[in-house]
Each structure stands twice: as structure tokens, then as C-alpha cells.
Amino acid sequence: MATLAHVTTMRAQRRPVQRTVGDVRPSSAKAKTGNNAAVPPLRLAASAARPNAHKSPPKPVAVAYQPPHERLAAAVQECLRLDRELKVIENSGHTKFGVFAKPLGDQERCRQQAASAKQDTTEHLPEDPLPEAIVDDDDATSDPFFHRFYDEQGRSLFEQLLRTRMRVVALAKLANGRESEDFVRAEVELADTYARMNLWKQAHTHVMNAHSVLKTLDAKRATQHLQQQKRKAQGHHSDGTMLMLMLEYFYDRQTSPERTGDVVLRELLTVVGSWDAQESVMSAILESSNLHALFGASTSLHWQQVLLRMERQSAIFQDHVHDIEESISEKTRTTLRQVFNQLDPSGYGVVPLRVLITQLEVINDPFVDPSQLLCITESLRQRDERVEYPSMTWSELLVLSQSALRLAADAAIEDTTRDLRPRLKYFFGRFFLRKGQLEEATRYLQVAIAEGEQVNGAESVALVPYHLALAETLAVRYKQQAAVAQQNAFEIADKWLKSTEGSRRLRLKALELIDEHARRDGKVLPKKDAESQAREILLKEYATLSFVRPDPTLIEDAVEQCTKAWSLQEKTLGREHVTTASVHVTLAQIYATKADWTESISSYEQAIAIYEASCNGPVPASSLLRLEIAKIHHHNCQPRNLTKAGEAYKEVAQFFHSFAMEFASTDSTRRESCAQAIESWRQWVVLTGDSSFCGTMQDQKEVLIAIHDTTVDGYGDFSLEAAESAREVAQFLVKLGELQFATRYARHAWFVLESHFGSNDRRCRRAKKELCEITSELKSSLDPSASQNFHDHEWLTI
């Protein structure tokens, strides 16, 4: 992906500053004498030029009012932008180390530096040249990657996204109320953000808030549905069925092939008689005598003239139109009345339809519900496209508006939050998984998958995290059952050892160990040690025999869930997409739980290939997976596997050392990355203890020196960690006979310990003793001419 590749290319933009002995840091100004020693020269010049300058109070700036709906839309767009940028560092693994792994860490130093830099810039005189920018390795704001993912106040992308999500919740509540779909969605998204930050307690709180609001909405929806059913059962059609039928008949006359729109009285009477008269008011209006009086001497009228005559001559129709107008909300009907009167100043009762639609579209009143105006405008636009008649009456506008609003209200009775319910079940499953209630977690996640398939379809990529969470839960249940079975096996073996037969077998095994130790070493093994070793051997042996493996159905189901997730991901996004790597990682972990090491390594390698192809090279995510592969090879103690493990440990250590140097300005990232590199080097050193591992003494020397260099880069030259690694290197160099190099490392360790604890400390005295022993051995091994030129300060390099 181009976005993930941008992360790796930005790290190469940073060029560390090479200091010499003569370089002076900005903080060294404190060594000067005088009150103004620490003030930069330009600041002194500015203060001298303006001795009595004072700043006037800032003038208030008028800000245009924005309705809550507009602010809500802007906040949602900001959340989408931050979420896209955050997924970049999440997918590449940068959020696992240092400042990126602390989403709410207080970057106080960065805030102070950003504020001071801004203040220095504002206090420069316009005619003064700006000073040269000093790039300092210890300045967190000089790192382009830091500037990319932290604002000027030192807030990370996680914190920015969290604050924006909170703002969306507040604006959704302000704009639509607490019992609204937007508020529920905002709460769910905020809970998801907390879960990504591993703050599960806060996520649980917001999920419960969303769940309670959904229960309230369900109760209201059930009440509305019951009322609607009662109205239908009682025959109260307040939605203007007969009036809409009359308008439909008029529209058919307008769209007939003749396109005259004339309504014949005799045909109208026949059509009205065929209708099911369930509304008493409209039945009275469309009665034969009333229609004859309405038409007068004419046998046919244009359908719009029929409506106008009803509005002007029929008192019953006027009352009915007034009832329809009252059924519309006050703000909406007031707006409709104002727009209609503006377009009909003469009071004729007819307005141009398209101008009316345009006027309704441009209304921006914060007190009018925009969704209602949108429904009405859409209904009028459909009427214009269908009938193609350029004008409209007031009664027609009210009837169409009422019909559109009632259709929208009936649609609102339907559950529009169906897509949120699987997400809530998913969150509940994750919560129970973290609590250790695995059966409840499995049940909730299975329900989430079933509901998600009903809402989004069985082939939706939105189901991928549900399948992965269920696979993880099933794998944990399998591991739990295996641990319980192992514990039961040990209890059975321990109980057997306490029996008569077990005690006799324990004594025989202890005697065998004593005899074997005597033949091998020529010494007698103590009785307690022999019994302890015999007990440990027999306990392990009989526990293995009595171990009952757990049901493999759980782990097979977990593999099946991962396979489903992988197939959905491949069909939707492709097998090379970076998010597909997470599916391979989960599958590899499940295969490792199943002890299928070959498949586990294969899945890890596929994930590594996806990460490195998407990010244009190694990233922390791929290196951590290489570390897992190395551990698997280390677990399988075969010569070929141990060689692969050693190579993987070296590769991981070298990557994290270089990664630490690329982020040298952020202390925690550098330190934690170096710690990971040191741990990988240490694992390589552990491999050397295996006789089947082919590692030479020269390789061990290089690794120990690399550990020391990494420790110095991560913790500093004068850290206790650096002193300990220097002592370790010195001791190993003594074994190799490289005494001169060993002297340098031993002297480094002694100097650091003396700086920390003083010369009388026991640790310092021991380090000095080791140094003296190495120095004396070195002097005795040198030629007389070389020993005369040997000075104690040769280790010092400036």
C-alpha cells in the first residue's frame, strides 16, 4: 500500500546531527555568568529595542455560528481522516513500541518545546533575520515522524481520535437527542476507539450506554408499532387515503395520452363509487350532490380547478385541509406556509412547482428538522417528474407533505440500528473473553456472527473480526482444557507416588540415580537430591502416561473460523492486502496451539511477506513475527532448526537496533526498541548452550559486542545497563585472550559504577578488582618494550 510505504520512507528523512568536541548545546548557555546568560542573542536584541513594549489585549474575533448538524458532520469527517492515518501505524506495527504504544502518554516536553518555539517566533522583530534552525537529537519536535503523528501540543493520533469521538458523541446528543440512532452510533464508535487503545473498562461503559439507549428505542418502536396496528384495526385512516386516491386519479388524467388533465364529472362519480369509503369526511366531500354543486353547469373541469374550487367553496374540505396541516410539525408547516405565500403574493392559490422545490432546498433554519424538509422536497420532485405539470395548489402541497412524512415515520418504526446489534454482541464477547468467561464469550460471538450474516450478508468483510475473535476464544478454551488435563495428570501421578507401589518405585529410582552419579563423577549423590530428582522424573513420566488430551473439536473449529475469515478477506480485498496479514497471524497462533509447527511457520511467513510488500521493507510487525518463527525453531531442538533460529534472532536484533536509531529523538521508542534487540541477541546467546548449535567463539564475541553497542545506544554510555554489558564483554574477551580490548570494556564498567555509586561501593570495588586483574595479566603478557609504552589512559578516546 502506498500509505504504509509512506511511513517507511518518512523515517529515512531524518538525518542525525554529527557533533564534534567543539559543539555547544543550547543548554550550555547556563554556564555563562550574569542574569541574561541563558537568553539567546536575538532575544536580547529584541528586548533591548523594546524596553517598555507591552502587548495589547487581543481583540475578540467573531465566529460564524454553525448548526449542530454541520459541526457533527465535520467532526465525523475528522474522525475518518484520523482513523485512516492511525491504521497506517497500527498495521505496520509502530504502535507496539515507545511513544506510539502509549496513546495517552503525556508529552509534556514536546508541549513545552512547541510553545517555546512558537513564542520565540512571535517575539522576533520583523526586520530581524530568523536564527538558524538547530536540529537536536534530544529534541522530540525535530523528528519528522514525530511531527507526522503528533500535533504541536504533543497529542498522539490516538488521543486526537479519542477527543474527536467524544466531540461526536456530544454533538450527536445536542443535534438529535440522547435517544437517537446517531447518538448510539457515536457511543459504539467511541467504545471501539477505547478498545483499540486497550482501555477495556471505558469501552465497556460506553457499550453499556449504547445498549441501554437501544433498549429504550426498542420499547418506543414497539409502542409505535402497536399503535399503528390499533389504528388499522379500528379503521382510522388518518393518512388521507381517499384524498390520495383522488390525487392519483387526477395525475392519471394529466399523464393520459391526451394530456389534457380534464376530469369528467360522470367518470369521477363512477370512480369515487368504486372506492372503499372508510373516511367519513372525504366521503361527504365526494358525495354526488356536492360534486354536482362543485362542477356547476360544466360537465368537465381541469383537475387543478377542481382542487381550487374545493379549497374555496367547500367548508368541509377546508376543515379537512386544516386538520392535515395540524398533523405536520409546527416549524415545518410554518416554513411551508411562508414559502408558499412568498411565491403566491396575489393569493390565487397556485405556485410554480420547481421554484417551490428550489426555495425549500435552500432553507437553512436550525430550528427546522432538515430530514422532514428533505422528505417533502423528494416527494415534490417525484411528483414533478411523474406528472410534469408546472404548478401546485396549497391543498396538494399539504397532502403530499403529510404522505411523505408518514411514510418516513413508518420507515422509522423499522429497526434502522440492526447493523449496530452485531457489533454490540461482538464487544460483549470480547469483554467476556478478557474476563475469562469463555462460554459466555463463545455464545455472544456466535450470535454476533449470525446477526451479522443476516444484516450484511454471509460474504461481508465486516464479519472478519467476528470470526477471528471467535477463533481466538475457541483456542483459549482448548488451551484451558489442556491445562486442566495436564494438572489432573500431575495430581494423579502425585497421588500414585504417595501409594505403596509409588514409594517403592521412587526408592528404586533414587538408588539408580545415586549409582549412576557415583560411576560418572566418583562422588556420592546426597539422599535428598537423589529423591528429589527421582520424584521429578517419575512425576513427569507418569503424568505423561495419564494425560488425556482435550477434545480436538474446539481447535478444529478455531481453524475453520480463521479459514472463513481468510476467504472473506481474499474475496473482498485480495490476498495481498495488508489487513489479510492479521488473519494469517491468528491462524499461525492457532496452529502453534495445535502444535502444528509447519503450518504455523507457513502462516507467519505469509503474513511477513504481506507486511513487507505493503510497507516496502521490514517493519516492526514483520520483525516481531520473525521473532515468533525463531522461537518455534528454538523449541524444535534440531540442528537445522537451531541454525534457522540463530539467523532469525540476528536479523530481528539488527532491525530493531536500526529502528531505534531512526527514532533516536524519542527516548522511549529508542529505549524499548533497543531492549527488544538486546532480548533477541540474548536468545542467540542461549542457543550457544546447545551442543547441536554451530556457533563459534568469534560469533559469540561479535554478539556480545553488539549487545553492548545496543545497550549504549538505548540506555546511554553512563547507564548501569551499559556497565553490566561491558563487564560481560570484558569477561568473555579474557577467555579469548584479547586482554587489551578486555581492559577497555572493564575500565568502562568500573568508571560508570564509580560515577553512580562512588569508589567505596562494593560493586565498584569488585569492578576495579577485575580491572586490576586484567591489567596485571595484560602487563605480564606483554614484551618489556611494549609494557613500558603501556599507559593506563590508553582506553580513553576523545
Foldseek 3Di string as FASTA:
>chain_A
DVLLQVLVVLLVVDDADDDDPPDDDLVVQVVDDDDCSSPDPQLVVLCVVCVPDDDDDDDDDDDDDDFLVVVLVVLVVVLVVLVVNLVSCVLLVVCVFFPSVQQPDQPQLLQVVLVVVVVVVVSGDPVDDDDDDDQHLQHLVNRVSQVVQAPSNGHGSLRVSLVSLVVSLVSCCVQPNCLDPSNLVSLQVNLVSCVVSVNNVSSVVSLVSSVVSVVVLLVVLVVVVVVVVVCVVVLPPLLCPVVVVLVVVQLCLCPPPVNPSKDFLVVLLVVVVPDDPSDPLVCVCSPSVNSCVLQPPDRIDRSVSSVLSCCVPPPSSVVSLVVLLVVDDPVVSVVLVVLVCVQCVVPSFKGFLVVSLVVLVPDDDSVDDVVLSVLLSVLSVVSCVRRVDGMDGPSRSSSSSSNSVVVVVVVSSDDPCLQVVLSSLQSVLVVCVVVVVLVSSLVSLVVSLVSCCVVPNLLALVCLVSLLSNLVSLLVVQVVVQVVLLVVLLVVQVVVCPDPVNVVQLVVQLVVVQVVCCVVPVDGDDSVVSSVVSSVVSSVVSSVVRRDRDDCPSLVSSLVSLVSSLVSCCVPPRCLASVSLVSLQSNLVSCVSVVVNVSNLVSLVSNLVSSCVVNVHRGVVNLVSLQVQLVSLVVVPDLVSPQSSLVSLQVSLVVLLVVLVSSSNRLRSNQRSLVSSLVSLVVNVVSVVDPSYDDDLVNNLVSLVVNLVSCCSNPNLLDQSNLVSLQVSLVSVVVVVVLVSSLLSLVSSLVSCCVVPNCPDPVNVVSVVVNVVSVVVVLVPDDPVVSVVDDSCPSDDD
